[in-house]
Amino acid sequence: SSTNYADSVKGRFTISRDNAKITVYLQMNNLQ
């Protein structure tokens, strides 16, 4: 669960994963 973000999306996007479901998510807020 160590994460890295592009500077352009820091503070707006959040990446997460559910290892049990083997799924990754990208929550995108304040889209431009």
Full PDB file with SEQRES, HELIX, SHEET, SSBOND, CRYST1, ORIGX, SCALE, CONECT and MASTER records, all heavy atoms in Angstrom:
SEQRES   1 A   32  SER SER THR ASN TYR ALA ASP SER VAL LYS GLY ARG PHE          
SEQRES   2 A   32  THR ILE SER ARG ASP ASN ALA LYS ILE THR VAL TYR LEU          
SEQRES   3 A   32  GLN MET ASN ASN LEU GLN                                      
SHEET    1 AA1 2 PHE A  13  ASP A  18  0                                        
SHEET    2 AA1 2 THR A  23  MET A  28 -1                                        
CRYST1    1.000    1.000    1.000  90.00  90.00  90.00 P 1           1          
ORIGX1      1.000000  0.000000  0.000000        0.00000                         
ORIGX2      0.000000  1.000000  0.000000        0.00000                         
ORIGX3      0.000000  0.000000  1.000000        0.00000                         
SCALE1      1.000000  0.000000  0.000000        0.00000                         
SCALE2      0.000000  1.000000  0.000000        0.00000                         
SCALE3      0.000000  0.000000  1.000000        0.00000                         
ATOM      1  N   SER A   1       0.787  -1.236   0.000  1.00  0.00           N  
ATOM      2  CA  SER A   1       0.000   0.000   0.000  1.00  0.00           C  
ATOM      3  C   SER A   1       0.817   1.283   0.000  1.00  0.00           C  
ATOM      4  O   SER A   1       0.297   2.348   0.341  1.00  0.00           O  
ATOM      5  CB  SER A   1      -0.987   0.018   1.178  1.00  0.00           C  
ATOM      6  OG  SER A   1      -1.909  -1.048   1.066  1.00  0.00           O  
ATOM      7  N   SER A   2       2.071   1.204  -0.403  1.00  0.00           N  
ATOM      8  CA  SER A   2       2.847   2.418  -0.625  1.00  0.00           C  
ATOM      9  C   SER A   2       2.368   3.064  -1.924  1.00  0.00           C  
ATOM     10  O   SER A   2       2.212   2.380  -2.938  1.00  0.00           O  
ATOM     11  CB  SER A   2       4.333   2.094  -0.717  1.00  0.00           C  
ATOM     12  OG  SER A   2       5.086   3.254  -0.993  1.00  0.00           O  
ATOM     13  N   THR A   3       2.131   4.375  -1.906  1.00  0.00           N  
ATOM     14  CA  THR A   3       1.537   5.046  -3.058  1.00  0.00           C  
ATOM     15  C   THR A   3       2.420   6.152  -3.609  1.00  0.00           C  
ATOM     16  O   THR A   3       3.239   6.736  -2.901  1.00  0.00           O  
ATOM     17  CB  THR A   3       0.172   5.648  -2.700  1.00  0.00           C  
ATOM     18  OG1 THR A   3       0.329   6.595  -1.638  1.00  0.00           O  
ATOM     19  CG2 THR A   3      -0.792   4.561  -2.263  1.00  0.00           C  
ATOM     20  N   ASN A   4       2.217   6.441  -4.882  1.00  0.00           N  
ATOM     21  CA  ASN A   4       2.867   7.553  -5.556  1.00  0.00           C  
ATOM     22  C   ASN A   4       1.851   8.220  -6.472  1.00  0.00           C  
ATOM     23  O   ASN A   4       1.002   7.545  -7.064  1.00  0.00           O  
ATOM     24  CB  ASN A   4       4.071   7.082  -6.375  1.00  0.00           C  
ATOM     25  CG  ASN A   4       5.261   6.738  -5.521  1.00  0.00           C  
ATOM     26  OD1 ASN A   4       5.921   7.615  -4.977  1.00  0.00           O  
ATOM     27  ND2 ASN A   4       5.551   5.452  -5.386  1.00  0.00           N  
ATOM     28  N   TYR A   5       1.958   9.541  -6.595  1.00  0.00           N  
ATOM     29  CA  TYR A   5       1.029  10.303  -7.416  1.00  0.00           C  
ATOM     30  C   TYR A   5       1.763  11.288  -8.301  1.00  0.00           C  
ATOM     31  O   TYR A   5       2.803  11.829  -7.926  1.00  0.00           O  
ATOM     32  CB  TYR A   5       0.049  11.092  -6.546  1.00  0.00           C  
ATOM     33  CG  TYR A   5      -0.857  10.250  -5.698  1.00  0.00           C  
ATOM     34  CD1 TYR A   5      -0.500   9.915  -4.394  1.00  0.00           C  
ATOM     35  CD2 TYR A   5      -2.077   9.795  -6.193  1.00  0.00           C  
ATOM     36  CE1 TYR A   5      -1.336   9.136  -3.611  1.00  0.00           C  
ATOM     37  CE2 TYR A   5      -2.913   9.022  -5.409  1.00  0.00           C  
ATOM     38  CZ  TYR A   5      -2.542   8.696  -4.122  1.00  0.00           C  
ATOM     39  OH  TYR A   5      -3.374   7.929  -3.342  1.00  0.00           O  
ATOM     40  N   ALA A   6       1.194  11.534  -9.468  1.00  0.00           N  
ATOM     41  CA  ALA A   6       1.675  12.620 -10.297  1.00  0.00           C  
ATOM     42  C   ALA A   6       1.385  13.938  -9.595  1.00  0.00           C  
ATOM     43  O   ALA A   6       0.369  14.077  -8.906  1.00  0.00           O  
ATOM     44  CB  ALA A   6       0.998  12.592 -11.661  1.00  0.00           C  
ATOM     45  N   ASP A   7       2.269  14.909  -9.772  1.00  0.00           N  
ATOM     46  CA  ASP A   7       2.083  16.195  -9.113  1.00  0.00           C  
ATOM     47  C   ASP A   7       0.747  16.838  -9.473  1.00  0.00           C  
ATOM     48  O   ASP A   7       0.133  17.518  -8.645  1.00  0.00           O  
ATOM     49  CB  ASP A   7       3.221  17.153  -9.481  1.00  0.00           C  
ATOM     50  CG  ASP A   7       4.535  16.768  -8.838  1.00  0.00           C  
ATOM     51  OD1 ASP A   7       4.527  16.022  -7.843  1.00  0.00           O  
ATOM     52  OD2 ASP A   7       5.583  17.232  -9.336  1.00  0.00           O  
ATOM     53  N   SER A   8       0.287  16.615 -10.679  1.00  0.00           N  
ATOM     54  CA  SER A   8      -0.934  17.250 -11.155  1.00  0.00           C  
ATOM     55  C   SER A   8      -2.202  16.749 -10.462  1.00  0.00           C  
ATOM     56  O   SER A   8      -3.240  17.410 -10.536  1.00  0.00           O  
ATOM     57  CB  SER A   8      -1.077  17.059 -12.665  1.00  0.00           C  
ATOM     58  OG  SER A   8      -1.127  15.684 -13.000  1.00  0.00           O  
ATOM     59  N   VAL A   9      -2.127  15.597  -9.793  1.00  0.00           N  
ATOM     60  CA  VAL A   9      -3.319  15.034  -9.161  1.00  0.00           C  
ATOM     61  C   VAL A   9      -3.207  14.924  -7.651  1.00  0.00           C  
ATOM     62  O   VAL A   9      -4.179  14.520  -6.995  1.00  0.00           O  
ATOM     63  CB  VAL A   9      -3.671  13.654  -9.748  1.00  0.00           C  
ATOM     64  CG1 VAL A   9      -3.787  13.727 -11.260  1.00  0.00           C  
ATOM     65  CG2 VAL A   9      -2.643  12.603  -9.332  1.00  0.00           C  
ATOM     66  N   LYS A  10      -2.070  15.277  -7.086  1.00  0.00           N  
ATOM     67  CA  LYS A  10      -1.889  15.187  -5.644  1.00  0.00           C  
ATOM     68  C   LYS A  10      -2.930  16.030  -4.917  1.00  0.00           C  
ATOM     69  O   LYS A  10      -3.186  17.172  -5.279  1.00  0.00           O  
ATOM     70  CB  LYS A  10      -0.487  15.643  -5.243  1.00  0.00           C  
ATOM     71  CG  LYS A  10       0.604  14.656  -5.595  1.00  0.00           C  
ATOM     72  CD  LYS A  10       1.968  15.165  -5.144  1.00  0.00           C  
ATOM     73  CE  LYS A  10       3.058  14.157  -5.467  1.00  0.00           C  
ATOM     74  NZ  LYS A  10       4.400  14.654  -5.075  1.00  0.00           N  
ATOM     75  N   GLY A  11      -3.515  15.441  -3.902  1.00  0.00           N  
ATOM     76  CA  GLY A  11      -4.542  16.125  -3.138  1.00  0.00           C  
ATOM     77  C   GLY A  11      -5.931  15.970  -3.696  1.00  0.00           C  
ATOM     78  O   GLY A  11      -6.909  16.319  -3.021  1.00  0.00           O  
ATOM     79  N   ARG A  12      -6.060  15.468  -4.913  1.00  0.00           N  
ATOM     80  CA  ARG A  12      -7.366  15.288  -5.540  1.00  0.00           C  
ATOM     81  C   ARG A  12      -7.706  13.828  -5.802  1.00  0.00           C  
ATOM     82  O   ARG A  12      -8.863  13.436  -5.701  1.00  0.00           O  
ATOM     83  CB  ARG A  12      -7.428  16.055  -6.866  1.00  0.00           C  
ATOM     84  CG  ARG A  12      -7.227  17.557  -6.721  1.00  0.00           C  
ATOM     85  CD  ARG A  12      -7.497  18.284  -8.032  1.00  0.00           C  
ATOM     86  NE  ARG A  12      -6.554  17.887  -9.081  1.00  0.00           N  
ATOM     87  CZ  ARG A  12      -6.902  17.341 -10.239  1.00  0.00           C  
ATOM     88  NH1 ARG A  12      -8.193  17.123 -10.505  1.00  0.00           N  
ATOM     89  NH2 ARG A  12      -5.986  17.027 -11.140  1.00  0.00           N  
ATOM     90  N   PHE A  13      -6.706  13.042  -6.156  1.00  0.00           N  
ATOM     91  CA  PHE A  13      -6.919  11.633  -6.477  1.00  0.00           C  
ATOM     92  C   PHE A  13      -6.373  10.749  -5.362  1.00  0.00           C  
ATOM     93  O   PHE A  13      -5.368  11.080  -4.720  1.00  0.00           O  
ATOM     94  CB  PHE A  13      -6.201  11.246  -7.773  1.00  0.00           C  
ATOM     95  CG  PHE A  13      -6.774  11.852  -9.025  1.00  0.00           C  
ATOM     96  CD1 PHE A  13      -7.742  12.851  -8.983  1.00  0.00           C  
ATOM     97  CD2 PHE A  13      -6.332  11.411 -10.264  1.00  0.00           C  
ATOM     98  CE1 PHE A  13      -8.257  13.407 -10.143  1.00  0.00           C  
ATOM     99  CE2 PHE A  13      -6.837  11.955 -11.431  1.00  0.00           C  
ATOM    100  CZ  PHE A  13      -7.796  12.950 -11.374  1.00  0.00           C  
ATOM    101  N   THR A  14      -7.014   9.610  -5.164  1.00  0.00           N  
ATOM    102  CA  THR A  14      -6.559   8.637  -4.188  1.00  0.00           C  
ATOM    103  C   THR A  14      -6.613   7.241  -4.797  1.00  0.00           C  
ATOM    104  O   THR A  14      -7.659   6.812  -5.276  1.00  0.00           O  
ATOM    105  CB  THR A  14      -7.415   8.660  -2.914  1.00  0.00           C  
ATOM    106  OG1 THR A  14      -7.389   9.966  -2.333  1.00  0.00           O  
ATOM    107  CG2 THR A  14      -6.870   7.658  -1.893  1.00  0.00           C  
ATOM    108  N   ILE A  15      -5.487   6.546  -4.769  1.00  0.00           N  
ATOM    109  CA  ILE A  15      -5.444   5.174  -5.247  1.00  0.00           C  
ATOM    110  C   ILE A  15      -5.502   4.233  -4.047  1.00  0.00           C  
ATOM    111  O   ILE A  15      -4.917   4.510  -3.003  1.00  0.00           O  
ATOM    112  CB  ILE A  15      -4.181   4.909  -6.094  1.00  0.00           C  
ATOM    113  CG1 ILE A  15      -4.248   3.525  -6.746  1.00  0.00           C  
ATOM    114  CG2 ILE A  15      -2.911   5.074  -5.272  1.00  0.00           C  
ATOM    115  CD1 ILE A  15      -3.151   3.284  -7.776  1.00  0.00           C  
ATOM    116  N   SER A  16      -6.221   3.146  -4.191  1.00  0.00           N  
ATOM    117  CA  SER A  16      -6.336   2.167  -3.122  1.00  0.00           C  
ATOM    118  C   SER A  16      -6.509   0.784  -3.728  1.00  0.00           C  
ATOM    119  O   SER A  16      -6.782   0.654  -4.920  1.00  0.00           O  
ATOM    120  CB  SER A  16      -7.504   2.498  -2.185  1.00  0.00           C  
ATOM    121  OG  SER A  16      -8.730   2.468  -2.882  1.00  0.00           O  
ATOM    122  N   ARG A  17      -6.359  -0.231  -2.906  1.00  0.00           N  
ATOM    123  CA  ARG A  17      -6.517  -1.591  -3.400  1.00  0.00           C  
ATOM    124  C   ARG A  17      -7.194  -2.468  -2.369  1.00  0.00           C  
ATOM    125  O   ARG A  17      -7.069  -2.258  -1.160  1.00  0.00           O  
ATOM    126  CB  ARG A  17      -5.162  -2.183  -3.806  1.00  0.00           C  
ATOM    127  CG  ARG A  17      -4.163  -2.331  -2.665  1.00  0.00           C  
ATOM    128  CD  ARG A  17      -2.772  -2.696  -3.201  1.00  0.00           C  
ATOM    129  NE  ARG A  17      -2.746  -4.015  -3.814  1.00  0.00           N  
ATOM    130  CZ  ARG A  17      -1.782  -4.455  -4.611  1.00  0.00           C  
ATOM    131  NH1 ARG A  17      -0.762  -3.664  -4.917  1.00  0.00           N  
ATOM    132  NH2 ARG A  17      -1.833  -5.682  -5.110  1.00  0.00           N  
ATOM    133  N   ASP A  18      -7.902  -3.448  -2.872  1.00  0.00           N  
ATOM    134  CA  ASP A  18      -8.543  -4.458  -2.050  1.00  0.00           C  
ATOM    135  C   ASP A  18      -7.908  -5.776  -2.451  1.00  0.00           C  
ATOM    136  O   ASP A  18      -8.241  -6.341  -3.491  1.00  0.00           O  
ATOM    137  CB  ASP A  18     -10.048  -4.478  -2.278  1.00  0.00           C  
ATOM    138  CG  ASP A  18     -10.769  -5.445  -1.363  1.00  0.00           C  
ATOM    139  OD1 ASP A  18     -10.175  -6.439  -0.931  1.00  0.00           O  
ATOM    140  OD2 ASP A  18     -11.962  -5.202  -1.079  1.00  0.00           O  
ATOM    141  N   ASN A  19      -6.990  -6.257  -1.639  1.00  0.00           N  
ATOM    142  CA  ASN A  19      -6.255  -7.465  -1.996  1.00  0.00           C  
ATOM    143  C   ASN A  19      -7.145  -8.708  -2.018  1.00  0.00           C  
ATOM    144  O   ASN A  19      -6.893  -9.635  -2.782  1.00  0.00           O  
ATOM    145  CB  ASN A  19      -5.089  -7.671  -1.028  1.00  0.00           C  
ATOM    146  CG  ASN A  19      -3.987  -6.655  -1.226  1.00  0.00           C  
ATOM    147  OD1 ASN A  19      -3.770  -6.156  -2.338  1.00  0.00           O  
ATOM    148  ND2 ASN A  19      -3.270  -6.339  -0.155  1.00  0.00           N  
ATOM    149  N   ALA A  20      -8.168  -8.735  -1.188  1.00  0.00           N  
ATOM    150  CA  ALA A  20      -9.079  -9.871  -1.178  1.00  0.00           C  
ATOM    151  C   ALA A  20      -9.847  -9.967  -2.490  1.00  0.00           C  
ATOM    152  O   ALA A  20     -10.089 -11.062  -3.002  1.00  0.00           O  
ATOM    153  CB  ALA A  20     -10.042  -9.772  -0.001  1.00  0.00           C  
ATOM    154  N   LYS A  21     -10.241  -8.815  -3.030  1.00  0.00           N  
ATOM    155  CA  LYS A  21     -10.971  -8.779  -4.296  1.00  0.00           C  
ATOM    156  C   LYS A  21     -10.053  -8.636  -5.501  1.00  0.00           C  
ATOM    157  O   LYS A  21     -10.514  -8.678  -6.639  1.00  0.00           O  
ATOM    158  CB  LYS A  21     -11.973  -7.625  -4.290  1.00  0.00           C  
ATOM    159  CG  LYS A  21     -13.071  -7.757  -3.250  1.00  0.00           C  
ATOM    160  CD  LYS A  21     -14.031  -6.581  -3.327  1.00  0.00           C  
ATOM    161  CE  LYS A  21     -15.150  -6.720  -2.313  1.00  0.00           C  
ATOM    162  NZ  LYS A  21     -16.094  -5.572  -2.375  1.00  0.00           N  
ATOM    163  N   ILE A  22      -8.767  -8.454  -5.233  1.00  0.00           N  
ATOM    164  CA  ILE A  22      -7.767  -8.242  -6.281  1.00  0.00           C  
ATOM    165  C   ILE A  22      -8.235  -7.115  -7.204  1.00  0.00           C  
ATOM    166  O   ILE A  22      -8.320  -7.263  -8.426  1.00  0.00           O  
ATOM    167  CB  ILE A  22      -7.503  -9.533  -7.078  1.00  0.00           C  
ATOM    168  CG1 ILE A  22      -7.342 -10.730  -6.143  1.00  0.00           C  
ATOM    169  CG2 ILE A  22      -6.227  -9.377  -7.921  1.00  0.00           C  
ATOM    170  CD1 ILE A  22      -7.122 -12.048  -6.850  1.00  0.00           C  
ATOM    171  N   THR A  23      -8.525  -5.992  -6.601  1.00  0.00           N  
ATOM    172  CA  THR A  23      -9.058  -4.843  -7.309  1.00  0.00           C  
ATOM    173  C   THR A  23      -8.328  -3.579  -6.871  1.00  0.00           C  
ATOM    174  O   THR A  23      -7.989  -3.426  -5.698  1.00  0.00           O  
ATOM    175  CB  THR A  23     -10.561  -4.682  -7.030  1.00  0.00           C  
ATOM    176  OG1 THR A  23     -11.248  -5.877  -7.416  1.00  0.00           O  
ATOM    177  CG2 THR A  23     -11.134  -3.507  -7.799  1.00  0.00           C  
ATOM    178  N   VAL A  24      -8.098  -2.687  -7.814  1.00  0.00           N  
ATOM    179  CA  VAL A  24      -7.513  -1.393  -7.514  1.00  0.00           C  
ATOM    180  C   VAL A  24      -8.515  -0.312  -7.892  1.00  0.00           C  
ATOM    181  O   VAL A  24      -9.258  -0.454  -8.874  1.00  0.00           O  
ATOM    182  CB  VAL A  24      -6.162  -1.186  -8.244  1.00  0.00           C  
ATOM    183  CG1 VAL A  24      -6.349  -1.159  -9.757  1.00  0.00           C  
ATOM    184  CG2 VAL A  24      -5.484   0.096  -7.768  1.00  0.00           C  
ATOM    185  N   TYR A  25      -8.538   0.755  -7.107  1.00  0.00           N  
ATOM    186  CA  TYR A  25      -9.476   1.839  -7.323  1.00  0.00           C  
ATOM    187  C   TYR A  25      -8.731   3.157  -7.481  1.00  0.00           C  
ATOM    188  O   TYR A  25      -7.628   3.334  -6.976  1.00  0.00           O  
ATOM    189  CB  TYR A  25     -10.441   1.973  -6.141  1.00  0.00           C  
ATOM    190  CG  TYR A  25     -11.197   0.714  -5.819  1.00  0.00           C  
ATOM    191  CD1 TYR A  25     -10.715  -0.182  -4.867  1.00  0.00           C  
ATOM    192  CD2 TYR A  25     -12.395   0.414  -6.461  1.00  0.00           C  
ATOM    193  CE1 TYR A  25     -11.406  -1.342  -4.564  1.00  0.00           C  
ATOM    194  CE2 TYR A  25     -13.089  -0.739  -6.164  1.00  0.00           C  
ATOM    195  CZ  TYR A  25     -12.594  -1.618  -5.218  1.00  0.00           C  
ATOM    196  OH  TYR A  25     -13.289  -2.770  -4.922  1.00  0.00           O  
ATOM    197  N   LEU A  26      -9.353   4.075  -8.169  1.00  0.00           N  
ATOM    198  CA  LEU A  26      -8.849   5.434  -8.256  1.00  0.00           C  
ATOM    199  C   LEU A  26     -10.014   6.377  -7.999  1.00  0.00           C  
ATOM    200  O   LEU A  26     -10.898   6.525  -8.845  1.00  0.00           O  
ATOM    201  CB  LEU A  26      -8.228   5.727  -9.628  1.00  0.00           C  
ATOM    202  CG  LEU A  26      -7.585   7.107  -9.770  1.00  0.00           C  
ATOM    203  CD1 LEU A  26      -6.344   7.214  -8.877  1.00  0.00           C  
ATOM    204  CD2 LEU A  26      -7.221   7.395 -11.220  1.00  0.00           C  
ATOM    205  N   GLN A  27     -10.021   6.974  -6.821  1.00  0.00           N  
ATOM    206  CA  GLN A  27     -11.028   7.969  -6.480  1.00  0.00           C  
ATOM    207  C   GLN A  27     -10.546   9.316  -6.975  1.00  0.00           C  
ATOM    208  O   GLN A  27      -9.481   9.778  -6.578  1.00  0.00           O  
ATOM    209  CB  GLN A  27     -11.253   8.009  -4.967  1.00  0.00           C  
ATOM    210  CG  GLN A  27     -12.271   9.036  -4.512  1.00  0.00           C  
ATOM    211  CD  GLN A  27     -13.674   8.723  -4.980  1.00  0.00           C  
ATOM    212  OE1 GLN A  27     -14.119   7.583  -4.881  1.00  0.00           O  
ATOM    213  NE2 GLN A  27     -14.369   9.728  -5.507  1.00  0.00           N  
ATOM    214  N   MET A  28     -11.320   9.940  -7.843  1.00  0.00           N  
ATOM    215  CA  MET A  28     -10.940  11.201  -8.454  1.00  0.00           C  
ATOM    216  C   MET A  28     -11.922  12.282  -8.016  1.00  0.00           C  
ATOM    217  O   MET A  28     -13.100  12.231  -8.365  1.00  0.00           O  
ATOM    218  CB  MET A  28     -10.921  11.085  -9.982  1.00  0.00           C  
ATOM    219  CG  MET A  28     -10.021   9.969 -10.491  1.00  0.00           C  
ATOM    220  SD  MET A  28      -9.903   9.931 -12.307  1.00  0.00           S  
ATOM    221  CE  MET A  28     -11.592   9.474 -12.708  1.00  0.00           C  
ATOM    222  N   ASN A  29     -11.421  13.240  -7.260  1.00  0.00           N  
ATOM    223  CA  ASN A  29     -12.233  14.344  -6.780  1.00  0.00           C  
ATOM    224  C   ASN A  29     -11.785  15.651  -7.409  1.00  0.00           C  
ATOM    225  O   ASN A  29     -10.646  15.778  -7.869  1.00  0.00           O  
ATOM    226  CB  ASN A  29     -12.139  14.456  -5.257  1.00  0.00           C  
ATOM    227  CG  ASN A  29     -12.682  13.242  -4.541  1.00  0.00           C  
ATOM    228  OD1 ASN A  29     -13.629  12.605  -5.000  1.00  0.00           O  
ATOM    229  ND2 ASN A  29     -12.088  12.917  -3.391  1.00  0.00           N  
ATOM    230  N   ASN A  30     -12.672  16.622  -7.394  1.00  0.00           N  
ATOM    231  CA  ASN A  30     -12.383  17.941  -7.962  1.00  0.00           C  
ATOM    232  C   ASN A  30     -11.783  17.822  -9.358  1.00  0.00           C  
ATOM    233  O   ASN A  30     -10.753  18.422  -9.671  1.00  0.00           O  
ATOM    234  CB  ASN A  30     -11.449  18.724  -7.037  1.00  0.00           C  
ATOM    235  CG  ASN A  30     -11.339  20.187  -7.416  1.00  0.00           C  
ATOM    236  OD1 ASN A  30     -12.238  20.749  -8.034  1.00  0.00           O  
ATOM    237  ND2 ASN A  30     -10.216  20.807  -7.050  1.00  0.00           N  
ATOM    238  N   LEU A  31     -12.447  17.067 -10.195  1.00  0.00           N  
ATOM    239  CA  LEU A  31     -11.959  16.859 -11.559  1.00  0.00           C  
ATOM    240  C   LEU A  31     -11.954  18.163 -12.347  1.00  0.00           C  
ATOM    241  O   LEU A  31     -12.843  18.999 -12.193  1.00  0.00           O  
ATOM    242  CB  LEU A  31     -12.814  15.822 -12.264  1.00  0.00           C  
ATOM    243  CG  LEU A  31     -12.540  14.376 -11.844  1.00  0.00           C  
ATOM    244  CD1 LEU A  31     -13.698  13.469 -12.215  1.00  0.00           C  
ATOM    245  CD2 LEU A  31     -11.249  13.886 -12.494  1.00  0.00           C  
ATOM    246  N   GLN A  32     -10.962  18.301 -13.192  1.00  0.00           N  
ATOM    247  CA  GLN A  32     -10.783  19.481 -14.023  1.00  0.00           C  
ATOM    248  C   GLN A  32     -10.695  19.075 -15.481  1.00  0.00           C  
ATOM    249  O   GLN A  32     -10.371  17.927 -15.792  1.00  0.00           O  
ATOM    250  CB  GLN A  32      -9.519  20.234 -13.603  1.00  0.00           C  
ATOM    251  CG  GLN A  32      -9.518  20.702 -12.162  1.00  0.00           C  
ATOM    252  CD  GLN A  32     -10.640  21.670 -11.870  1.00  0.00           C  
ATOM    253  OE1 GLN A  32     -10.854  22.631 -12.615  1.00  0.00           O  
ATOM    254  NE2 GLN A  32     -11.375  21.437 -10.794  1.00  0.00           N  
TER     255      GLN A  32                                                      
MASTER        0    0    0    0    2    0    0    6  254    1    0    3          
END                                                                             
